Amino acid sequence: MAAKTRYDDIQTFTAAGDQSSFAGLRPRPIPETAGVVEHVIAAGERLDLIARHYYNDDRAWWRIVDANPWMVRATPADGSERFAQHLYLTRLEGRTILIPKAKS
C-alpha cells in the first residue's frame, strides 16, 4: 500500500475542448498551521536544510511554506527564477518564519 500524500484527495481537471491541454490537479487547500517556533533566516540557509533541522526530513520543506504563504508571493512572478532556486533563501535573509509543529 502506497503512503498517503497531501495530494491524494485533490480533484483533477482537464480543460474542455482543448486537444493540447493535459489533465492536472486543482490547487490543494492549505490548512491553517500554528507555528510553534520562530526561525530567523540566516545567510546561506535553504528550506530543505531547515526542514531537516526541525523535522529530520529535508523533503518536509513544504510544511514551512504552508505556514508562511507569503514566502511564495515573495518570489519573482516573471518566471526568471525557478521555485527550486528559492530553496535558497537569500532574498529573505533576516526575515522571521514560523516552523509548524511536527506531526506525531
N, C-alpha and C. Protein backbone atom coordinates (compact mmCIF):
# COMPACT_ATOMS: atom_id res chain seq x y z
N MET A 1 0.85 -1.17 0.00
CA MET A 1 0.00 0.00 0.00
C MET A 1 0.90 1.24 0.00
N ALA A 2 0.61 2.14 -0.92
CA ALA A 2 1.39 3.36 -1.02
C ALA A 2 1.05 4.32 0.11
N ALA A 3 2.02 5.10 0.52
CA ALA A 3 1.80 6.09 1.58
C ALA A 3 0.87 7.18 1.08
N LYS A 4 0.03 7.68 1.96
CA LYS A 4 -0.89 8.76 1.62
C LYS A 4 -0.09 10.06 1.51
N THR A 5 -0.39 10.86 0.48
CA THR A 5 0.27 12.14 0.30
C THR A 5 -0.73 13.26 0.48
N ARG A 6 -0.24 14.50 0.55
CA ARG A 6 -1.13 15.64 0.72
C ARG A 6 -1.92 15.93 -0.54
N TYR A 7 -1.65 15.24 -1.65
CA TYR A 7 -2.37 15.45 -2.91
C TYR A 7 -3.39 14.35 -3.20
N ASP A 8 -3.54 13.35 -2.35
CA ASP A 8 -4.44 12.24 -2.62
C ASP A 8 -5.89 12.64 -2.81
N ASP A 9 -6.38 13.62 -2.07
CA ASP A 9 -7.79 13.98 -2.13
C ASP A 9 -8.08 15.18 -3.04
N ILE A 10 -7.12 15.58 -3.84
CA ILE A 10 -7.29 16.74 -4.72
C ILE A 10 -8.00 16.31 -6.00
N GLN A 11 -8.96 17.11 -6.45
CA GLN A 11 -9.69 16.82 -7.67
C GLN A 11 -8.83 17.12 -8.89
N THR A 12 -9.00 16.31 -9.94
CA THR A 12 -8.29 16.56 -11.19
C THR A 12 -9.18 17.37 -12.12
N PHE A 13 -8.60 17.89 -13.18
CA PHE A 13 -9.36 18.62 -14.18
C PHE A 13 -8.69 18.46 -15.53
N THR A 14 -9.47 18.66 -16.58
CA THR A 14 -8.97 18.74 -17.94
C THR A 14 -9.69 19.90 -18.61
N ALA A 15 -8.97 20.75 -19.28
CA ALA A 15 -9.58 21.89 -19.96
C ALA A 15 -10.48 21.38 -21.07
N ALA A 16 -11.71 21.86 -21.12
CA ALA A 16 -12.68 21.40 -22.11
C ALA A 16 -12.35 21.93 -23.49
N GLY A 17 -12.45 21.06 -24.48
CA GLY A 17 -12.32 21.46 -25.88
C GLY A 17 -10.91 21.79 -26.35
N ASP A 18 -9.93 21.60 -25.54
CA ASP A 18 -8.56 21.93 -25.93
C ASP A 18 -7.77 20.64 -26.06
N GLN A 19 -7.48 20.25 -27.29
CA GLN A 19 -6.76 18.99 -27.55
C GLN A 19 -5.34 19.01 -27.00
N SER A 20 -4.74 20.20 -26.86
CA SER A 20 -3.36 20.28 -26.41
C SER A 20 -3.22 20.33 -24.89
N SER A 21 -4.37 20.43 -24.18
CA SER A 21 -4.28 20.54 -22.73
C SER A 21 -4.03 19.16 -22.11
N PHE A 22 -3.70 19.16 -20.87
CA PHE A 22 -3.41 17.93 -20.15
C PHE A 22 -4.17 17.92 -18.84
N ALA A 23 -4.36 16.72 -18.31
CA ALA A 23 -5.04 16.61 -17.02
C ALA A 23 -4.12 17.16 -15.94
N GLY A 24 -4.69 17.80 -14.97
CA GLY A 24 -3.88 18.37 -13.91
C GLY A 24 -4.59 18.27 -12.57
N LEU A 25 -3.98 18.85 -11.56
CA LEU A 25 -4.56 18.87 -10.22
C LEU A 25 -5.00 20.28 -9.89
N ARG A 26 -6.14 20.39 -9.25
CA ARG A 26 -6.59 21.68 -8.76
C ARG A 26 -5.72 22.04 -7.56
N PRO A 27 -5.60 23.32 -7.23
CA PRO A 27 -4.81 23.70 -6.05
C PRO A 27 -5.35 23.02 -4.80
N ARG A 28 -4.44 22.54 -3.96
CA ARG A 28 -4.89 21.89 -2.74
C ARG A 28 -5.16 22.95 -1.67
N PRO A 29 -6.17 22.72 -0.86
CA PRO A 29 -6.42 23.67 0.23
C PRO A 29 -5.28 23.57 1.25
N ILE A 30 -4.85 24.71 1.74
CA ILE A 30 -3.79 24.74 2.73
C ILE A 30 -4.43 25.03 4.08
N PRO A 31 -4.37 24.07 5.00
CA PRO A 31 -4.99 24.29 6.30
C PRO A 31 -4.22 25.32 7.11
N GLU A 32 -4.92 25.98 8.02
CA GLU A 32 -4.23 26.91 8.91
C GLU A 32 -3.23 26.11 9.74
N THR A 33 -2.06 26.65 9.87
CA THR A 33 -1.00 25.97 10.59
C THR A 33 -0.49 26.89 11.68
N ALA A 34 -0.49 26.39 12.88
CA ALA A 34 0.02 27.18 14.00
C ALA A 34 1.53 26.99 14.10
N GLY A 35 2.27 28.08 13.95
CA GLY A 35 3.71 27.99 14.11
C GLY A 35 4.06 27.89 15.58
N VAL A 36 5.00 27.07 15.89
CA VAL A 36 5.37 26.93 17.29
C VAL A 36 6.80 27.40 17.55
N VAL A 37 7.55 27.63 16.48
CA VAL A 37 8.92 28.11 16.62
C VAL A 37 9.10 29.24 15.62
N GLU A 38 9.72 30.30 16.04
CA GLU A 38 10.10 31.36 15.12
C GLU A 38 11.55 31.15 14.74
N HIS A 39 11.84 31.22 13.47
CA HIS A 39 13.19 30.98 12.96
C HIS A 39 13.59 32.18 12.11
N VAL A 40 14.73 32.79 12.41
CA VAL A 40 15.24 33.90 11.62
C VAL A 40 16.18 33.33 10.56
N ILE A 41 15.91 33.66 9.31
CA ILE A 41 16.68 33.12 8.20
C ILE A 41 18.07 33.75 8.18
N ALA A 42 19.07 32.90 8.21
CA ALA A 42 20.47 33.34 8.19
C ALA A 42 21.02 33.23 6.77
N ALA A 43 22.13 33.87 6.52
CA ALA A 43 22.78 33.83 5.22
C ALA A 43 23.09 32.39 4.83
N GLY A 44 22.77 32.03 3.59
CA GLY A 44 23.09 30.72 3.07
C GLY A 44 22.13 29.60 3.44
N GLU A 45 21.09 29.90 4.20
CA GLU A 45 20.15 28.84 4.58
C GLU A 45 19.27 28.44 3.41
N ARG A 46 18.83 27.18 3.45
CA ARG A 46 17.92 26.64 2.45
C ARG A 46 16.74 26.00 3.15
N LEU A 47 15.59 26.02 2.49
CA LEU A 47 14.38 25.43 3.09
C LEU A 47 14.56 23.95 3.40
N ASP A 48 15.20 23.21 2.50
CA ASP A 48 15.35 21.78 2.75
C ASP A 48 16.22 21.50 3.98
N LEU A 49 17.23 22.33 4.19
CA LEU A 49 18.09 22.12 5.36
C LEU A 49 17.40 22.55 6.66
N ILE A 50 16.57 23.59 6.57
CA ILE A 50 15.79 23.98 7.75
C ILE A 50 14.82 22.87 8.10
N ALA A 51 14.18 22.28 7.10
CA ALA A 51 13.25 21.17 7.33
C ALA A 51 13.99 19.98 7.95
N ARG A 52 15.18 19.71 7.47
CA ARG A 52 15.95 18.61 8.05
C ARG A 52 16.26 18.89 9.52
N HIS A 53 16.58 20.14 9.83
CA HIS A 53 16.91 20.51 11.21
C HIS A 53 15.71 20.30 12.14
N TYR A 54 14.54 20.78 11.72
CA TYR A 54 13.37 20.73 12.60
C TYR A 54 12.59 19.42 12.53
N TYR A 55 12.59 18.76 11.35
CA TYR A 55 11.77 17.55 11.17
C TYR A 55 12.58 16.29 10.89
N ASN A 56 13.88 16.43 10.74
CA ASN A 56 14.73 15.32 10.34
C ASN A 56 14.27 14.74 9.00
N ASP A 57 13.76 15.62 8.12
CA ASP A 57 13.26 15.22 6.80
C ASP A 57 13.39 16.42 5.87
N ASP A 58 14.38 16.39 4.99
CA ASP A 58 14.59 17.55 4.12
C ASP A 58 13.49 17.72 3.08
N ARG A 59 12.65 16.71 2.87
CA ARG A 59 11.54 16.83 1.93
C ARG A 59 10.30 17.47 2.56
N ALA A 60 10.34 17.80 3.82
CA ALA A 60 9.20 18.41 4.51
C ALA A 60 9.23 19.94 4.45
N TRP A 61 10.01 20.50 3.53
CA TRP A 61 10.11 21.96 3.40
C TRP A 61 8.75 22.58 3.09
N TRP A 62 7.88 21.84 2.41
CA TRP A 62 6.56 22.36 2.04
C TRP A 62 5.72 22.72 3.27
N ARG A 63 5.96 22.04 4.42
CA ARG A 63 5.23 22.38 5.65
C ARG A 63 5.57 23.79 6.10
N ILE A 64 6.83 24.17 5.91
CA ILE A 64 7.26 25.52 6.29
C ILE A 64 6.62 26.55 5.35
N VAL A 65 6.58 26.25 4.06
CA VAL A 65 5.95 27.15 3.09
C VAL A 65 4.46 27.28 3.38
N ASP A 66 3.79 26.16 3.72
CA ASP A 66 2.36 26.22 4.07
C ASP A 66 2.11 27.15 5.25
N ALA A 67 3.02 27.16 6.21
CA ALA A 67 2.85 28.01 7.40
C ALA A 67 3.24 29.46 7.12
N ASN A 68 3.93 29.70 6.01
CA ASN A 68 4.40 31.04 5.66
C ASN A 68 4.09 31.30 4.18
N PRO A 69 2.81 31.38 3.81
CA PRO A 69 2.48 31.51 2.38
C PRO A 69 3.05 32.76 1.72
N TRP A 70 3.37 33.78 2.48
CA TRP A 70 3.98 34.98 1.92
C TRP A 70 5.32 34.69 1.27
N MET A 71 5.96 33.57 1.67
CA MET A 71 7.26 33.22 1.09
C MET A 71 7.14 33.00 -0.41
N VAL A 72 6.06 32.38 -0.85
CA VAL A 72 5.86 32.13 -2.27
C VAL A 72 5.58 33.43 -2.99
N ARG A 73 4.79 34.29 -2.38
CA ARG A 73 4.50 35.59 -3.00
C ARG A 73 5.74 36.47 -3.07
N ALA A 74 6.74 36.19 -2.26
CA ALA A 74 7.96 37.00 -2.27
C ALA A 74 8.91 36.58 -3.39
N THR A 75 8.51 35.55 -4.16
CA THR A 75 9.35 35.09 -5.27
C THR A 75 8.94 35.79 -6.55
N PRO A 76 9.83 35.92 -7.52
CA PRO A 76 9.50 36.62 -8.76
C PRO A 76 8.39 35.90 -9.53
N ALA A 77 7.46 36.65 -10.09
CA ALA A 77 6.36 36.07 -10.85
C ALA A 77 6.66 36.04 -12.34
N ASP A 78 7.78 36.60 -12.75
CA ASP A 78 8.07 36.70 -14.19
C ASP A 78 8.73 35.46 -14.77
N GLY A 79 8.89 34.43 -13.95
CA GLY A 79 9.49 33.19 -14.45
C GLY A 79 11.00 33.26 -14.59
N SER A 80 11.62 34.32 -14.10
CA SER A 80 13.07 34.45 -14.25
C SER A 80 13.84 33.49 -13.36
N GLU A 81 13.20 33.03 -12.32
CA GLU A 81 13.85 32.07 -11.42
C GLU A 81 12.89 30.93 -11.13
N ARG A 82 13.39 29.74 -11.01
CA ARG A 82 12.55 28.59 -10.69
C ARG A 82 12.34 28.51 -9.19
N PHE A 83 11.19 27.88 -8.80
CA PHE A 83 10.91 27.77 -7.37
C PHE A 83 12.00 27.00 -6.65
N ALA A 84 12.57 25.99 -7.30
CA ALA A 84 13.63 25.19 -6.66
C ALA A 84 14.78 26.08 -6.20
N GLN A 85 15.03 27.15 -6.94
CA GLN A 85 16.10 28.05 -6.54
C GLN A 85 15.73 28.80 -5.27
N HIS A 86 14.45 28.85 -4.96
CA HIS A 86 14.02 29.56 -3.76
C HIS A 86 14.17 28.70 -2.51
N LEU A 87 14.66 27.46 -2.70
CA LEU A 87 15.07 26.72 -1.52
C LEU A 87 16.21 27.49 -0.86
N TYR A 88 16.94 28.25 -1.69
CA TYR A 88 17.94 29.16 -1.16
C TYR A 88 17.21 30.44 -0.77
N LEU A 89 17.36 30.88 0.44
CA LEU A 89 16.55 31.95 0.98
C LEU A 89 17.26 33.30 1.00
N THR A 90 18.11 33.54 0.02
CA THR A 90 18.90 34.77 0.02
C THR A 90 18.04 36.02 0.01
N ARG A 91 16.90 36.00 -0.66
CA ARG A 91 16.02 37.17 -0.70
C ARG A 91 15.32 37.41 0.63
N LEU A 92 15.29 36.41 1.49
CA LEU A 92 14.54 36.50 2.74
C LEU A 92 15.44 36.55 3.97
N GLU A 93 16.72 36.72 3.76
CA GLU A 93 17.68 36.76 4.88
C GLU A 93 17.25 37.82 5.90
N GLY A 94 17.24 37.42 7.17
CA GLY A 94 16.86 38.32 8.26
C GLY A 94 15.38 38.31 8.59
N ARG A 95 14.56 37.69 7.73
CA ARG A 95 13.12 37.61 7.98
C ARG A 95 12.84 36.46 8.95
N THR A 96 11.78 36.58 9.70
CA THR A 96 11.37 35.54 10.64
C THR A 96 10.28 34.69 10.00
N ILE A 97 10.44 33.38 10.06
CA ILE A 97 9.42 32.46 9.57
C ILE A 97 8.93 31.59 10.71
N LEU A 98 7.73 31.04 10.54
CA LEU A 98 7.16 30.15 11.53
C LEU A 98 7.46 28.70 11.14
N ILE A 99 7.83 27.92 12.12
CA ILE A 99 8.09 26.50 11.91
C ILE A 99 6.97 25.75 12.62
N PRO A 100 6.05 25.11 11.85
CA PRO A 100 4.94 24.40 12.50
C PRO A 100 5.42 23.16 13.23
N LYS A 101 4.64 22.77 14.21
CA LYS A 101 4.95 21.59 15.00
C LYS A 101 4.96 20.35 14.11
N ALA A 102 5.91 19.48 14.32
CA ALA A 102 5.96 18.22 13.59
C ALA A 102 4.79 17.35 14.00
N LYS A 103 4.19 16.68 13.01
CA LYS A 103 3.08 15.79 13.35
C LYS A 103 3.62 14.57 14.06
N SER A 104 2.85 14.11 15.04
CA SER A 104 3.32 12.94 15.79
C SER A 104 2.60 11.69 15.37
